Amino acid sequence: MSAQNPKQHPDAVAEARRREMATEHLLFGTVRFLAQRHPELLDELEGSLAHLWDPVEGEARDDEAVRTIARRIIKGLRAEG
């Protein structure tokens, strides 16, 4: 059995990033739509941030950086409201 190469093919990496961007766009739009009709949703999401964490292992892990990004997203959604 051969060892797996940890590096992905550049096209696979680009495709994964494109999928991630499309997913983020759709989810952000969905949350914006729902928050306009149910403003309490943003309060619920903000209250859940303590449970948000960075899945990266080792020194690169930064749970607070992930939470900071989520707070900025929620702040942007509130501004659009």
N, C-alpha and C. Protein backbone atom coordinates (compact mmCIF):
# COMPACT_ATOMS: atom_id res chain seq x y z
N MET A 1 0.85 -1.18 0.00
CA MET A 1 0.00 0.00 0.00
C MET A 1 0.89 1.23 0.00
N SER A 2 0.62 2.19 -0.85
CA SER A 2 1.46 3.38 -0.93
C SER A 2 1.00 4.42 0.08
N ALA A 3 1.94 5.26 0.48
CA ALA A 3 1.62 6.34 1.42
C ALA A 3 0.79 7.39 0.70
N GLN A 4 -0.15 7.97 1.42
CA GLN A 4 -0.97 9.01 0.82
C GLN A 4 -0.19 10.31 0.79
N ASN A 5 -0.33 11.04 -0.29
CA ASN A 5 0.32 12.33 -0.43
C ASN A 5 -0.56 13.38 0.24
N PRO A 6 -0.04 14.11 1.26
CA PRO A 6 -0.88 15.09 1.96
C PRO A 6 -1.22 16.30 1.10
N LYS A 7 -0.46 16.53 0.02
CA LYS A 7 -0.75 17.67 -0.85
C LYS A 7 -1.82 17.28 -1.86
N GLN A 8 -2.81 18.15 -2.00
CA GLN A 8 -3.84 17.91 -3.00
C GLN A 8 -3.40 18.52 -4.32
N HIS A 9 -3.95 18.01 -5.38
CA HIS A 9 -3.71 18.58 -6.70
C HIS A 9 -4.23 20.01 -6.70
N PRO A 10 -3.50 20.97 -7.30
CA PRO A 10 -3.94 22.38 -7.29
C PRO A 10 -5.38 22.57 -7.75
N ASP A 11 -5.81 21.81 -8.75
CA ASP A 11 -7.20 21.95 -9.22
C ASP A 11 -8.19 21.52 -8.15
N ALA A 12 -7.85 20.49 -7.38
CA ALA A 12 -8.73 20.04 -6.30
C ALA A 12 -8.81 21.10 -5.20
N VAL A 13 -7.70 21.74 -4.92
CA VAL A 13 -7.68 22.80 -3.91
C VAL A 13 -8.53 23.98 -4.38
N ALA A 14 -8.36 24.37 -5.63
CA ALA A 14 -9.14 25.48 -6.18
C ALA A 14 -10.63 25.14 -6.18
N GLU A 15 -10.96 23.93 -6.54
CA GLU A 15 -12.37 23.50 -6.54
C GLU A 15 -12.96 23.52 -5.14
N ALA A 16 -12.19 23.06 -4.16
CA ALA A 16 -12.66 23.07 -2.77
C ALA A 16 -12.89 24.51 -2.30
N ARG A 17 -12.01 25.42 -2.67
CA ARG A 17 -12.16 26.83 -2.28
C ARG A 17 -13.39 27.44 -2.95
N ARG A 18 -13.61 27.10 -4.20
CA ARG A 18 -14.80 27.61 -4.90
C ARG A 18 -16.08 27.11 -4.24
N ARG A 19 -16.08 25.84 -3.87
CA ARG A 19 -17.24 25.26 -3.18
C ARG A 19 -17.47 25.97 -1.84
N GLU A 20 -16.38 26.23 -1.14
CA GLU A 20 -16.47 26.93 0.15
C GLU A 20 -17.06 28.33 -0.03
N MET A 21 -16.60 29.05 -1.04
CA MET A 21 -17.11 30.40 -1.28
C MET A 21 -18.60 30.37 -1.65
N ALA A 22 -19.00 29.42 -2.48
CA ALA A 22 -20.41 29.30 -2.87
C ALA A 22 -21.27 28.97 -1.65
N THR A 23 -20.79 28.07 -0.81
CA THR A 23 -21.53 27.69 0.39
C THR A 23 -21.67 28.87 1.34
N GLU A 24 -20.58 29.61 1.55
CA GLU A 24 -20.64 30.78 2.42
C GLU A 24 -21.64 31.80 1.89
N HIS A 25 -21.63 32.02 0.59
CA HIS A 25 -22.56 32.98 0.00
C HIS A 25 -24.01 32.58 0.23
N LEU A 26 -24.30 31.31 -0.03
CA LEU A 26 -25.67 30.83 0.13
C LEU A 26 -26.12 30.85 1.58
N LEU A 27 -25.24 30.44 2.49
CA LEU A 27 -25.60 30.46 3.91
C LEU A 27 -25.78 31.88 4.42
N PHE A 28 -24.90 32.79 4.02
CA PHE A 28 -25.03 34.18 4.44
C PHE A 28 -26.35 34.76 3.94
N GLY A 29 -26.69 34.48 2.69
CA GLY A 29 -27.95 34.96 2.13
C GLY A 29 -29.15 34.39 2.86
N THR A 30 -29.06 33.13 3.23
CA THR A 30 -30.15 32.48 3.97
C THR A 30 -30.33 33.11 5.35
N VAL A 31 -29.22 33.31 6.04
CA VAL A 31 -29.29 33.91 7.37
C VAL A 31 -29.80 35.35 7.27
N ARG A 32 -29.37 36.09 6.25
CA ARG A 32 -29.85 37.46 6.06
C ARG A 32 -31.36 37.46 5.86
N PHE A 33 -31.85 36.59 5.00
CA PHE A 33 -33.28 36.48 4.73
C PHE A 33 -34.06 36.18 6.01
N LEU A 34 -33.59 35.18 6.77
CA LEU A 34 -34.28 34.80 8.00
C LEU A 34 -34.20 35.89 9.06
N ALA A 35 -33.05 36.52 9.19
CA ALA A 35 -32.87 37.55 10.22
C ALA A 35 -33.74 38.78 9.95
N GLN A 36 -34.02 39.06 8.68
CA GLN A 36 -34.90 40.18 8.37
C GLN A 36 -36.32 39.92 8.87
N ARG A 37 -36.72 38.66 8.90
CA ARG A 37 -38.05 38.29 9.35
C ARG A 37 -38.09 37.91 10.83
N HIS A 38 -36.93 37.49 11.35
CA HIS A 38 -36.82 37.04 12.74
C HIS A 38 -35.53 37.61 13.35
N PRO A 39 -35.54 38.88 13.74
CA PRO A 39 -34.32 39.51 14.24
C PRO A 39 -33.72 38.80 15.45
N GLU A 40 -34.52 38.07 16.19
CA GLU A 40 -34.00 37.35 17.35
C GLU A 40 -33.02 36.25 16.96
N LEU A 41 -33.03 35.86 15.70
CA LEU A 41 -32.10 34.84 15.22
C LEU A 41 -30.65 35.27 15.44
N LEU A 42 -30.36 36.54 15.19
CA LEU A 42 -28.98 37.02 15.37
C LEU A 42 -28.57 36.99 16.83
N ASP A 43 -29.50 37.27 17.73
CA ASP A 43 -29.20 37.16 19.16
C ASP A 43 -28.88 35.72 19.53
N GLU A 44 -29.64 34.79 18.99
CA GLU A 44 -29.40 33.36 19.25
C GLU A 44 -28.03 32.94 18.72
N LEU A 45 -27.72 33.35 17.51
CA LEU A 45 -26.43 33.00 16.93
C LEU A 45 -25.28 33.59 17.74
N GLU A 46 -25.44 34.84 18.13
CA GLU A 46 -24.40 35.49 18.94
C GLU A 46 -24.21 34.78 20.27
N GLY A 47 -25.30 34.34 20.86
CA GLY A 47 -25.23 33.62 22.12
C GLY A 47 -24.59 32.24 22.01
N SER A 48 -24.52 31.71 20.81
CA SER A 48 -23.95 30.38 20.61
C SER A 48 -22.45 30.39 20.33
N LEU A 49 -21.85 31.55 20.21
CA LEU A 49 -20.45 31.64 19.79
C LEU A 49 -19.47 31.00 20.76
N ALA A 50 -19.83 30.90 22.02
CA ALA A 50 -18.94 30.25 22.98
C ALA A 50 -18.68 28.79 22.62
N HIS A 51 -19.57 28.22 21.85
CA HIS A 51 -19.44 26.81 21.45
C HIS A 51 -18.69 26.64 20.12
N LEU A 52 -18.31 27.76 19.50
CA LEU A 52 -17.62 27.72 18.22
C LEU A 52 -16.13 27.56 18.45
N TRP A 53 -15.50 26.66 17.68
CA TRP A 53 -14.08 26.41 17.88
C TRP A 53 -13.40 26.15 16.55
N ASP A 54 -12.09 26.23 16.57
CA ASP A 54 -11.26 26.01 15.40
C ASP A 54 -10.88 24.53 15.36
N PRO A 55 -11.21 23.82 14.29
CA PRO A 55 -10.91 22.40 14.23
C PRO A 55 -9.43 22.08 13.97
N VAL A 56 -8.63 23.10 13.69
CA VAL A 56 -7.21 22.87 13.42
C VAL A 56 -6.51 22.42 14.69
N GLU A 57 -5.60 21.49 14.55
CA GLU A 57 -4.83 20.99 15.69
C GLU A 57 -3.49 21.71 15.77
N GLY A 58 -2.92 21.75 16.95
CA GLY A 58 -1.57 22.29 17.13
C GLY A 58 -1.55 23.78 17.34
N GLU A 59 -0.38 24.36 17.06
CA GLU A 59 -0.16 25.79 17.31
C GLU A 59 -1.05 26.69 16.46
N ALA A 60 -1.49 26.21 15.31
CA ALA A 60 -2.31 27.03 14.41
C ALA A 60 -3.74 27.21 14.92
N ARG A 61 -4.14 26.40 15.90
CA ARG A 61 -5.51 26.48 16.41
C ARG A 61 -5.74 27.82 17.10
N ASP A 62 -6.85 28.47 16.75
CA ASP A 62 -7.17 29.77 17.34
C ASP A 62 -8.70 29.90 17.40
N ASP A 63 -9.27 29.38 18.47
CA ASP A 63 -10.72 29.42 18.65
C ASP A 63 -11.25 30.85 18.62
N GLU A 64 -10.55 31.76 19.26
CA GLU A 64 -11.03 33.14 19.34
C GLU A 64 -11.03 33.81 17.97
N ALA A 65 -10.09 33.48 17.11
CA ALA A 65 -10.08 34.04 15.75
C ALA A 65 -11.33 33.61 14.99
N VAL A 66 -11.74 32.36 15.16
CA VAL A 66 -12.96 31.87 14.51
C VAL A 66 -14.17 32.62 15.05
N ARG A 67 -14.21 32.82 16.35
CA ARG A 67 -15.34 33.56 16.96
C ARG A 67 -15.36 35.02 16.50
N THR A 68 -14.18 35.61 16.35
CA THR A 68 -14.10 37.00 15.89
C THR A 68 -14.69 37.14 14.49
N ILE A 69 -14.38 36.19 13.62
CA ILE A 69 -14.95 36.21 12.27
C ILE A 69 -16.46 36.10 12.34
N ALA A 70 -16.97 35.20 13.17
CA ALA A 70 -18.42 35.03 13.31
C ALA A 70 -19.06 36.32 13.84
N ARG A 71 -18.41 36.97 14.80
CA ARG A 71 -18.96 38.23 15.34
C ARG A 71 -19.03 39.30 14.25
N ARG A 72 -18.01 39.36 13.39
CA ARG A 72 -18.03 40.34 12.30
C ARG A 72 -19.16 40.05 11.32
N ILE A 73 -19.40 38.78 11.05
CA ILE A 73 -20.50 38.41 10.16
C ILE A 73 -21.83 38.83 10.77
N ILE A 74 -22.02 38.55 12.04
CA ILE A 74 -23.27 38.93 12.73
C ILE A 74 -23.41 40.44 12.75
N LYS A 75 -22.33 41.15 13.00
CA LYS A 75 -22.37 42.62 13.00
C LYS A 75 -22.78 43.14 11.63
N GLY A 76 -22.26 42.54 10.57
CA GLY A 76 -22.63 42.93 9.20
C GLY A 76 -24.10 42.68 8.92
N LEU A 77 -24.59 41.54 9.39
CA LEU A 77 -26.01 41.21 9.21
C LEU A 77 -26.89 42.20 9.97
N ARG A 78 -26.48 42.58 11.16
CA ARG A 78 -27.26 43.58 11.93
C ARG A 78 -27.29 44.92 11.20
N ALA A 79 -26.16 45.31 10.62
CA ALA A 79 -26.09 46.58 9.90
C ALA A 79 -27.00 46.58 8.68
N GLU A 80 -27.13 45.42 8.04
CA GLU A 80 -28.00 45.32 6.87
C GLU A 80 -29.48 45.31 7.25
N GLY A 81 -29.76 44.88 8.50
CA GLY A 81 -31.12 44.69 8.97
C GLY A 81 -31.96 45.90 8.82
